């Protein structure tokens, strides 16, 4: 069995074997490798001043990179109180409060209308749960970037694969278009 297959199976067992304490927990806390973070934001064509929302922001690496490398503004949504507190302290210690906000909240109940880009590293089933909210709030021209897991029923404008941390990662970029009349 190849190493990448073993890593994917390990991730799958973590994702399905983890006991979620909150019914709205959408995925296990597995950080996105920094190389993948940067490629996700590049693939979204993130521009200075745009607003990024990271749903399930974990340690904040996507929102921090968006602010530091892309001069974007960013909001991280985090359900776990412990992770939220650690990430908020990290943002404060880095002096990024003027460009990055961490919200202790539920991604399923978040107004995403200010977002130009939404990033996800959630399970496919979680993406399905979020899809109605994404469709409800995101305006035409917005982009959704999902790490490893597709959004069923949507067709990615871009699909990329890259190797990082010993395995192949997938990036799916979805462009939000105006509804057909």
Foldseek 3Di string as FASTA:
>chain_A
DAPQVVVVVVLVCCFVVDDDPDPLDFGDDDDDPLVVLVVLCVVQVQAAAAEEEEEQCQLPSNQVCCCPVHNYAYEYEHQDPVRLVNNVVVCVVVVNVVRYYYHHDGLLPDQCQSHLEYEYAGAQVSLQSCVVNCLVRYDFNRKYKYKQYDNPPFDFPDWDWDDDPHYIIIIGMGGDHDDDD
